[in-house]
């Protein structure tokens, strides 16, 4: 399996988004995952899809959690794809 890429759908002015990014970093480091942060306001399609849900944590098209990092669920998911 290749490297794990986690995507955070985010907004520049969103404190919940920044909180999720900070909380995710140690978990991503533990599993050797990279974090990609996408600003939903920079893409009308992303804004339409994720507008009221940000922050959203994704692995590919799989939504792991939104609003807050669900560390237990994310850890279990990452352990299962390793």
Protein backbone atom coordinates (compact mmCIF):
# COMPACT_ATOMS: atom_id res chain seq x y z
CA UNK A 1 0.00 0.00 0.00
CA UNK A 2 1.19 3.52 -0.78
CA UNK A 3 1.42 6.46 1.57
CA UNK A 4 -1.71 7.49 3.44
CA UNK A 5 -3.09 10.92 2.52
CA UNK A 6 -5.69 12.48 4.78
CA UNK A 7 -7.59 15.51 3.58
CA UNK A 8 -9.09 18.18 5.79
CA UNK A 9 -11.78 20.29 4.17
CA UNK A 10 -11.21 23.61 5.86
CA UNK A 11 -11.71 27.37 5.91
CA UNK A 12 -9.09 29.97 6.74
CA UNK A 13 -11.23 31.67 9.38
CA UNK A 14 -12.61 28.48 10.99
CA UNK A 15 -11.30 27.80 14.50
CA UNK A 16 -12.75 24.27 14.47
CA UNK A 17 -10.76 23.63 11.29
CA UNK A 18 -7.52 24.77 12.90
CA UNK A 19 -8.30 22.71 16.00
CA UNK A 20 -8.84 19.58 13.88
CA UNK A 21 -5.60 20.13 11.97
CA UNK A 22 -3.63 20.48 15.22
CA UNK A 23 -5.28 17.44 16.82
CA UNK A 24 -4.74 15.35 13.69
CA UNK A 25 -1.00 16.05 13.36
CA UNK A 26 0.24 13.63 16.09
CA UNK A 27 -2.06 10.88 14.81
CA UNK A 28 -0.92 11.41 11.23
CA UNK A 29 2.71 11.31 12.38
CA UNK A 30 2.08 8.07 14.25
CA UNK A 31 0.67 6.38 11.15
CA UNK A 32 3.02 8.02 8.65
CA UNK A 33 0.16 9.87 6.96
CA UNK A 34 0.34 13.19 5.20
CA UNK A 35 -2.27 15.88 5.73
CA UNK A 36 -3.65 17.89 2.84
CA UNK A 37 -5.71 20.95 3.76
CA UNK A 38 -8.15 22.22 1.15
CA UNK A 39 -9.96 25.54 1.50
CA UNK A 40 -13.58 24.88 0.54
CA UNK A 41 -14.09 28.57 -0.20
CA UNK A 42 -11.53 28.38 -3.03
CA UNK A 43 -13.61 25.86 -5.00
CA UNK A 44 -17.36 26.31 -5.60
CA UNK A 45 -17.91 22.54 -5.90
CA UNK A 46 -16.20 21.87 -2.57
CA UNK A 47 -18.07 24.73 -0.93
CA UNK A 48 -21.39 23.36 -2.18
CA UNK A 49 -20.59 19.87 -0.90
CA UNK A 50 -18.97 20.65 2.47
CA UNK A 51 -20.18 24.17 3.31
CA UNK A 52 -21.91 23.55 6.66
CA UNK A 53 -19.86 20.46 7.60
CA UNK A 54 -16.34 21.90 7.82
CA UNK A 55 -14.00 20.78 9.04
CA UNK A 56 -14.32 17.39 7.38
CA UNK A 57 -11.63 14.70 7.56
CA UNK A 58 -11.42 12.42 4.54
CA UNK A 59 -9.34 9.51 3.34
CA UNK A 60 -10.04 9.53 -0.37
CA UNK A 61 -13.83 9.73 -0.57
CA UNK A 62 -14.35 8.18 2.87
CA UNK A 63 -15.52 10.69 5.48
CA UNK A 64 -13.92 9.86 8.81
CA UNK A 65 -15.44 12.69 10.84
CA UNK A 66 -16.57 16.30 10.73
CA UNK A 67 -16.71 19.28 13.12
CA UNK A 68 -14.27 17.63 15.57
CA UNK A 69 -11.59 14.96 15.22
CA UNK A 70 -12.93 11.59 16.33
CA UNK A 71 -9.54 10.28 17.40
CA UNK A 72 -10.71 6.78 18.35
CA UNK A 73 -12.56 6.24 15.06
CA UNK A 74 -9.71 7.71 13.01
CA UNK A 75 -7.11 5.60 14.85
CA UNK A 76 -9.17 2.44 14.30
CA UNK A 77 -9.61 3.27 10.62
CA UNK A 78 -5.90 3.98 10.07
CA UNK A 79 -4.88 0.79 11.89
CA UNK A 80 -7.25 -1.17 9.64
CA UNK A 81 -5.81 0.15 6.36
CA UNK A 82 -2.19 -0.19 7.38
